[in-house]
Amino acid sequence: MLPALTAAISLLRQQDPAEADNFRSTVIVAIEAATRARKGGASPTMAEMTRKITEALDAA
């Protein structure tokens, strides 16, 4: 996974849970926008990376 992302959101959750939720939402919106911008939708690689990023965000 992405341990630095998990650690960052974990620390943020400890300090400011609302801001951690905002950060998670922002990252997800950016991923979705990048996926939509690609003609033909997400490639298998992009779908897998999206899954890994989402797992890292939710692991905290």
PDB file of N, CA and C in Angstrom:
ATOM      1  N   MET A   1       0.833  -1.189   0.000  1.00  0.00           N
ATOM      2  CA  MET A   1       0.000   0.000   0.000  1.00  0.00           C
ATOM      3  C   MET A   1       0.873   1.247   0.000  1.00  0.00           C
ATOM      4  N   LEU A   2       0.328   2.298   0.471  1.00  0.00           N
ATOM      5  CA  LEU A   2       1.001   3.593   0.508  1.00  0.00           C
ATOM      6  C   LEU A   2       1.141   4.034   1.960  1.00  0.00           C
ATOM      7  N   PRO A   3       2.173   3.544   2.650  1.00  0.00           N
ATOM      8  CA  PRO A   3       2.285   3.781   4.085  1.00  0.00           C
ATOM      9  C   PRO A   3       2.384   5.252   4.479  1.00  0.00           C
ATOM     10  N   ALA A   4       3.031   6.076   3.678  1.00  0.00           N
ATOM     11  CA  ALA A   4       3.145   7.497   4.033  1.00  0.00           C
ATOM     12  C   ALA A   4       1.777   8.175   4.001  1.00  0.00           C
ATOM     13  N   LEU A   5       0.940   7.801   3.050  1.00  0.00           N
ATOM     14  CA  LEU A   5      -0.410   8.374   2.970  1.00  0.00           C
ATOM     15  C   LEU A   5      -1.241   7.923   4.170  1.00  0.00           C
ATOM     16  N   THR A   6      -1.130   6.666   4.525  1.00  0.00           N
ATOM     17  CA  THR A   6      -1.845   6.155   5.691  1.00  0.00           C
ATOM     18  C   THR A   6      -1.387   6.860   6.961  1.00  0.00           C
ATOM     19  N   ALA A   7      -0.080   7.032   7.103  1.00  0.00           N
ATOM     20  CA  ALA A   7       0.454   7.709   8.291  1.00  0.00           C
ATOM     21  C   ALA A   7       0.002   9.161   8.349  1.00  0.00           C
ATOM     22  N   ALA A   8      -0.001   9.828   7.209  1.00  0.00           N
ATOM     23  CA  ALA A   8      -0.408  11.237   7.169  1.00  0.00           C
ATOM     24  C   ALA A   8      -1.863  11.404   7.574  1.00  0.00           C
ATOM     25  N   ILE A   9      -2.733  10.573   7.047  1.00  0.00           N
ATOM     26  CA  ILE A   9      -4.155  10.729   7.385  1.00  0.00           C
ATOM     27  C   ILE A   9      -4.417  10.275   8.813  1.00  0.00           C
ATOM     28  N   SER A  10      -3.654   9.309   9.298  1.00  0.00           N
ATOM     29  CA  SER A  10      -3.797   8.883  10.692  1.00  0.00           C
ATOM     30  C   SER A  10      -3.440  10.027  11.640  1.00  0.00           C
ATOM     31  N   LEU A  11      -2.343  10.696  11.379  1.00  0.00           N
ATOM     32  CA  LEU A  11      -1.935  11.840  12.191  1.00  0.00           C
ATOM     33  C   LEU A  11      -2.972  12.962  12.100  1.00  0.00           C
ATOM     34  N   LEU A  12      -3.453  13.204  10.909  1.00  0.00           N
ATOM     35  CA  LEU A  12      -4.462  14.248  10.718  1.00  0.00           C
ATOM     36  C   LEU A  12      -5.742  13.908  11.475  1.00  0.00           C
ATOM     37  N   ARG A  13      -6.141  12.628  11.474  1.00  0.00           N
ATOM     38  CA  ARG A  13      -7.346  12.212  12.220  1.00  0.00           C
ATOM     39  C   ARG A  13      -7.174  12.476  13.719  1.00  0.00           C
ATOM     40  N   GLN A  14      -5.968  12.268  14.228  1.00  0.00           N
ATOM     41  CA  GLN A  14      -5.707  12.515  15.656  1.00  0.00           C
ATOM     42  C   GLN A  14      -5.811  13.998  15.984  1.00  0.00           C
ATOM     43  N   GLN A  15      -5.347  14.843  15.081  1.00  0.00           N
ATOM     44  CA  GLN A  15      -5.297  16.274  15.347  1.00  0.00           C
ATOM     45  C   GLN A  15      -6.579  17.004  14.969  1.00  0.00           C
ATOM     46  N   ASP A  16      -7.213  16.577  13.886  1.00  0.00           N
ATOM     47  CA  ASP A  16      -8.412  17.277  13.407  1.00  0.00           C
ATOM     48  C   ASP A  16      -9.225  16.339  12.517  1.00  0.00           C
ATOM     49  N   PRO A  17     -10.114  15.547  13.119  1.00  0.00           N
ATOM     50  CA  PRO A  17     -10.877  14.565  12.349  1.00  0.00           C
ATOM     51  C   PRO A  17     -11.655  15.161  11.171  1.00  0.00           C
ATOM     52  N   ALA A  18     -12.202  16.351  11.344  1.00  0.00           N
ATOM     53  CA  ALA A  18     -12.958  16.961  10.253  1.00  0.00           C
ATOM     54  C   ALA A  18     -12.041  17.277   9.073  1.00  0.00           C
ATOM     55  N   GLU A  19     -10.846  17.740   9.367  1.00  0.00           N
ATOM     56  CA  GLU A  19      -9.898  18.046   8.299  1.00  0.00           C
ATOM     57  C   GLU A  19      -9.396  16.760   7.628  1.00  0.00           C
ATOM     58  N   ALA A  20      -9.288  15.690   8.387  1.00  0.00           N
ATOM     59  CA  ALA A  20      -8.912  14.401   7.796  1.00  0.00           C
ATOM     60  C   ALA A  20      -9.974  13.954   6.795  1.00  0.00           C
ATOM     61  N   ASP A  21     -11.236  14.120   7.142  1.00  0.00           N
ATOM     62  CA  ASP A  21     -12.325  13.773   6.218  1.00  0.00           C
ATOM     63  C   ASP A  21     -12.277  14.662   4.974  1.00  0.00           C
ATOM     64  N   ASN A  22     -11.990  15.933   5.163  1.00  0.00           N
ATOM     65  CA  ASN A  22     -11.877  16.849   4.036  1.00  0.00           C
ATOM     66  C   ASN A  22     -10.717  16.442   3.120  1.00  0.00           C
ATOM     67  N   PHE A  23      -9.582  16.100   3.714  1.00  0.00           N
ATOM     68  CA  PHE A  23      -8.417  15.674   2.944  1.00  0.00           C
ATOM     69  C   PHE A  23      -8.738  14.422   2.136  1.00  0.00           C
ATOM     70  N   ARG A  24      -9.372  13.438   2.779  1.00  0.00           N
ATOM     71  CA  ARG A  24      -9.742  12.203   2.087  1.00  0.00           C
ATOM     72  C   ARG A  24     -10.659  12.502   0.907  1.00  0.00           C
ATOM     73  N   SER A  25     -11.650  13.332   1.136  1.00  0.00           N
ATOM     74  CA  SER A  25     -12.583  13.694   0.061  1.00  0.00           C
ATOM     75  C   SER A  25     -11.871  14.383  -1.089  1.00  0.00           C
ATOM     76  N   THR A  26     -10.944  15.268  -0.767  1.00  0.00           N
ATOM     77  CA  THR A  26     -10.199  15.988  -1.794  1.00  0.00           C
ATOM     78  C   THR A  26      -9.374  15.031  -2.647  1.00  0.00           C
ATOM     79  N   VAL A  27      -8.720  14.088  -2.008  1.00  0.00           N
ATOM     80  CA  VAL A  27      -7.914  13.109  -2.751  1.00  0.00           C
ATOM     81  C   VAL A  27      -8.812  12.269  -3.663  1.00  0.00           C
ATOM     82  N   ILE A  28      -9.940  11.816  -3.146  1.00  0.00           N
ATOM     83  CA  ILE A  28     -10.860  11.001  -3.944  1.00  0.00           C
ATOM     84  C   ILE A  28     -11.401  11.798  -5.136  1.00  0.00           C
ATOM     85  N   VAL A  29     -11.768  13.057  -4.926  1.00  0.00           N
ATOM     86  CA  VAL A  29     -12.255  13.895  -6.029  1.00  0.00           C
ATOM     87  C   VAL A  29     -11.177  14.048  -7.105  1.00  0.00           C
ATOM     88  N   ALA A  30      -9.931  14.254  -6.692  1.00  0.00           N
ATOM     89  CA  ALA A  30      -8.831  14.396  -7.653  1.00  0.00           C
ATOM     90  C   ALA A  30      -8.644  13.113  -8.469  1.00  0.00           C
ATOM     91  N   ILE A  31      -8.731  11.976  -7.809  1.00  0.00           N
ATOM     92  CA  ILE A  31      -8.597  10.693  -8.519  1.00  0.00           C
ATOM     93  C   ILE A  31      -9.734  10.519  -9.511  1.00  0.00           C
ATOM     94  N   GLU A  32     -10.949  10.799  -9.072  1.00  0.00           N
ATOM     95  CA  GLU A  32     -12.112  10.655  -9.957  1.00  0.00           C
ATOM     96  C   GLU A  32     -12.021  11.597 -11.145  1.00  0.00           C
ATOM     97  N   ALA A  33     -11.557  12.822 -10.926  1.00  0.00           N
ATOM     98  CA  ALA A  33     -11.410  13.786 -12.015  1.00  0.00           C
ATOM     99  C   ALA A  33     -10.371  13.297 -13.026  1.00  0.00           C
ATOM    100  N   ALA A  34      -9.275  12.764 -12.537  1.00  0.00           N
ATOM    101  CA  ALA A  34      -8.237  12.246 -13.432  1.00  0.00           C
ATOM    102  C   ALA A  34      -8.759  11.067 -14.249  1.00  0.00           C
ATOM    103  N   THR A  35      -9.556  10.243 -13.622  1.00  0.00           N
ATOM    104  CA  THR A  35     -10.131   9.084 -14.317  1.00  0.00           C
ATOM    105  C   THR A  35     -11.114   9.525 -15.399  1.00  0.00           C
ATOM    106  N   ARG A  36     -11.960  10.512 -15.073  1.00  0.00           N
ATOM    107  CA  ARG A  36     -12.931  11.008 -16.048  1.00  0.00           C
ATOM    108  C   ARG A  36     -12.260  11.727 -17.213  1.00  0.00           C
ATOM    109  N   ALA A  37     -11.133  12.360 -16.956  1.00  0.00           N
ATOM    110  CA  ALA A  37     -10.441  13.115 -17.996  1.00  0.00           C
ATOM    111  C   ALA A  37      -9.844  12.183 -19.055  1.00  0.00           C
ATOM    112  N   ARG A  38      -9.650  10.956 -18.698  1.00  0.00           N
ATOM    113  CA  ARG A  38      -9.059   9.993 -19.622  1.00  0.00           C
ATOM    114  C   ARG A  38     -10.144   9.443 -20.540  1.00  0.00           C
ATOM    115  N   LYS A  39      -9.917   9.534 -21.820  1.00  0.00           N
ATOM    116  CA  LYS A  39     -10.878   8.988 -22.781  1.00  0.00           C
ATOM    117  C   LYS A  39     -10.963   7.477 -22.624  1.00  0.00           C
ATOM    118  N   GLY A  40     -12.173   6.976 -22.610  1.00  0.00           N
ATOM    119  CA  GLY A  40     -12.373   5.544 -22.475  1.00  0.00           C
ATOM    120  C   GLY A  40     -12.432   5.054 -21.041  1.00  0.00           C
ATOM    121  N   GLY A  41     -12.385   5.979 -20.089  1.00  0.00           N
ATOM    122  CA  GLY A  41     -12.472   5.594 -18.686  1.00  0.00           C
ATOM    123  C   GLY A  41     -11.150   5.122 -18.125  1.00  0.00           C
ATOM    124  N   ALA A  42     -11.214   4.577 -16.960  1.00  0.00           N
ATOM    125  CA  ALA A  42     -10.008   4.158 -16.247  1.00  0.00           C
ATOM    126  C   ALA A  42      -9.420   2.890 -16.854  1.00  0.00           C
ATOM    127  N   SER A  43      -8.121   2.900 -17.009  1.00  0.00           N
ATOM    128  CA  SER A  43      -7.418   1.688 -17.437  1.00  0.00           C
ATOM    129  C   SER A  43      -7.343   0.746 -16.250  1.00  0.00           C
ATOM    130  N   PRO A  44      -7.027  -0.503 -16.482  1.00  0.00           N
ATOM    131  CA  PRO A  44      -6.870  -1.418 -15.352  1.00  0.00           C
ATOM    132  C   PRO A  44      -5.810  -0.932 -14.356  1.00  0.00           C
ATOM    133  N   THR A  45      -4.752  -0.328 -14.859  1.00  0.00           N
ATOM    134  CA  THR A  45      -3.706   0.197 -13.975  1.00  0.00           C
ATOM    135  C   THR A  45      -4.239   1.333 -13.128  1.00  0.00           C
ATOM    136  N   MET A  46      -4.993   2.243 -13.744  1.00  0.00           N
ATOM    137  CA  MET A  46      -5.563   3.375 -13.008  1.00  0.00           C
ATOM    138  C   MET A  46      -6.581   2.881 -11.982  1.00  0.00           C
ATOM    139  N   ALA A  47      -7.378   1.906 -12.336  1.00  0.00           N
ATOM    140  CA  ALA A  47      -8.353   1.348 -11.389  1.00  0.00           C
ATOM    141  C   ALA A  47      -7.650   0.718 -10.194  1.00  0.00           C
ATOM    142  N   GLU A  48      -6.561   0.014 -10.438  1.00  0.00           N
ATOM    143  CA  GLU A  48      -5.806  -0.611  -9.351  1.00  0.00           C
ATOM    144  C   GLU A  48      -5.161   0.449  -8.460  1.00  0.00           C
ATOM    145  N   MET A  49      -4.620   1.490  -9.059  1.00  0.00           N
ATOM    146  CA  MET A  49      -3.997   2.552  -8.263  1.00  0.00           C
ATOM    147  C   MET A  49      -5.054   3.275  -7.434  1.00  0.00           C
ATOM    148  N   THR A  50      -6.221   3.509  -8.003  1.00  0.00           N
ATOM    149  CA  THR A  50      -7.324   4.128  -7.264  1.00  0.00           C
ATOM    150  C   THR A  50      -7.688   3.280  -6.056  1.00  0.00           C
ATOM    151  N   ARG A  51      -7.753   1.978  -6.257  1.00  0.00           N
ATOM    152  CA  ARG A  51      -8.076   1.056  -5.160  1.00  0.00           C
ATOM    153  C   ARG A  51      -7.018   1.140  -4.060  1.00  0.00           C
ATOM    154  N   LYS A  52      -5.749   1.151  -4.449  1.00  0.00           N
ATOM    155  CA  LYS A  52      -4.670   1.203  -3.469  1.00  0.00           C
ATOM    156  C   LYS A  52      -4.680   2.509  -2.681  1.00  0.00           C
ATOM    157  N   ILE A  53      -4.924   3.608  -3.361  1.00  0.00           N
ATOM    158  CA  ILE A  53      -4.972   4.908  -2.679  1.00  0.00           C
ATOM    159  C   ILE A  53      -6.146   4.948  -1.702  1.00  0.00           C
ATOM    160  N   THR A  54      -7.302   4.478  -2.143  1.00  0.00           N
ATOM    161  CA  THR A  54      -8.483   4.450  -1.274  1.00  0.00           C
ATOM    162  C   THR A  54      -8.237   3.555  -0.063  1.00  0.00           C
ATOM    163  N   GLU A  55      -7.615   2.421  -0.259  1.00  0.00           N
ATOM    164  CA  GLU A  55      -7.290   1.533   0.870  1.00  0.00           C
ATOM    165  C   GLU A  55      -6.341   2.229   1.844  1.00  0.00           C
ATOM    166  N   ALA A  56      -5.358   2.927   1.305  1.00  0.00           N
ATOM    167  CA  ALA A  56      -4.400   3.633   2.179  1.00  0.00           C
ATOM    168  C   ALA A  56      -5.096   4.716   2.994  1.00  0.00           C
ATOM    169  N   LEU A  57      -6.018   5.417   2.365  1.00  0.00           N
ATOM    170  CA  LEU A  57      -6.771   6.464   3.078  1.00  0.00           C
ATOM    171  C   LEU A  57      -7.663   5.864   4.169  1.00  0.00           C
ATOM    172  N   ASP A  58      -8.217   4.710   3.887  1.00  0.00           N
ATOM    173  CA  ASP A  58      -9.159   4.085   4.837  1.00  0.00           C
ATOM    174  C   ASP A  58      -8.475   3.221   5.891  1.00  0.00           C
ATOM    175  N   ALA A  59      -7.182   2.960   5.749  1.00  0.00           N
ATOM    176  CA  ALA A  59      -6.462   2.095   6.682  1.00  0.00           C
ATOM    177  C   ALA A  59      -6.169   2.799   8.011  1.00  0.00           C
ATOM    178  N   ALA A  60      -6.232   4.103   8.006  1.00  0.00           N
ATOM    179  CA  ALA A  60      -5.892   4.870   9.219  1.00  0.00           C
ATOM    180  C   ALA A  60      -6.966   4.750  10.274  1.00  0.00           C
TER     181      ALA A  60
END
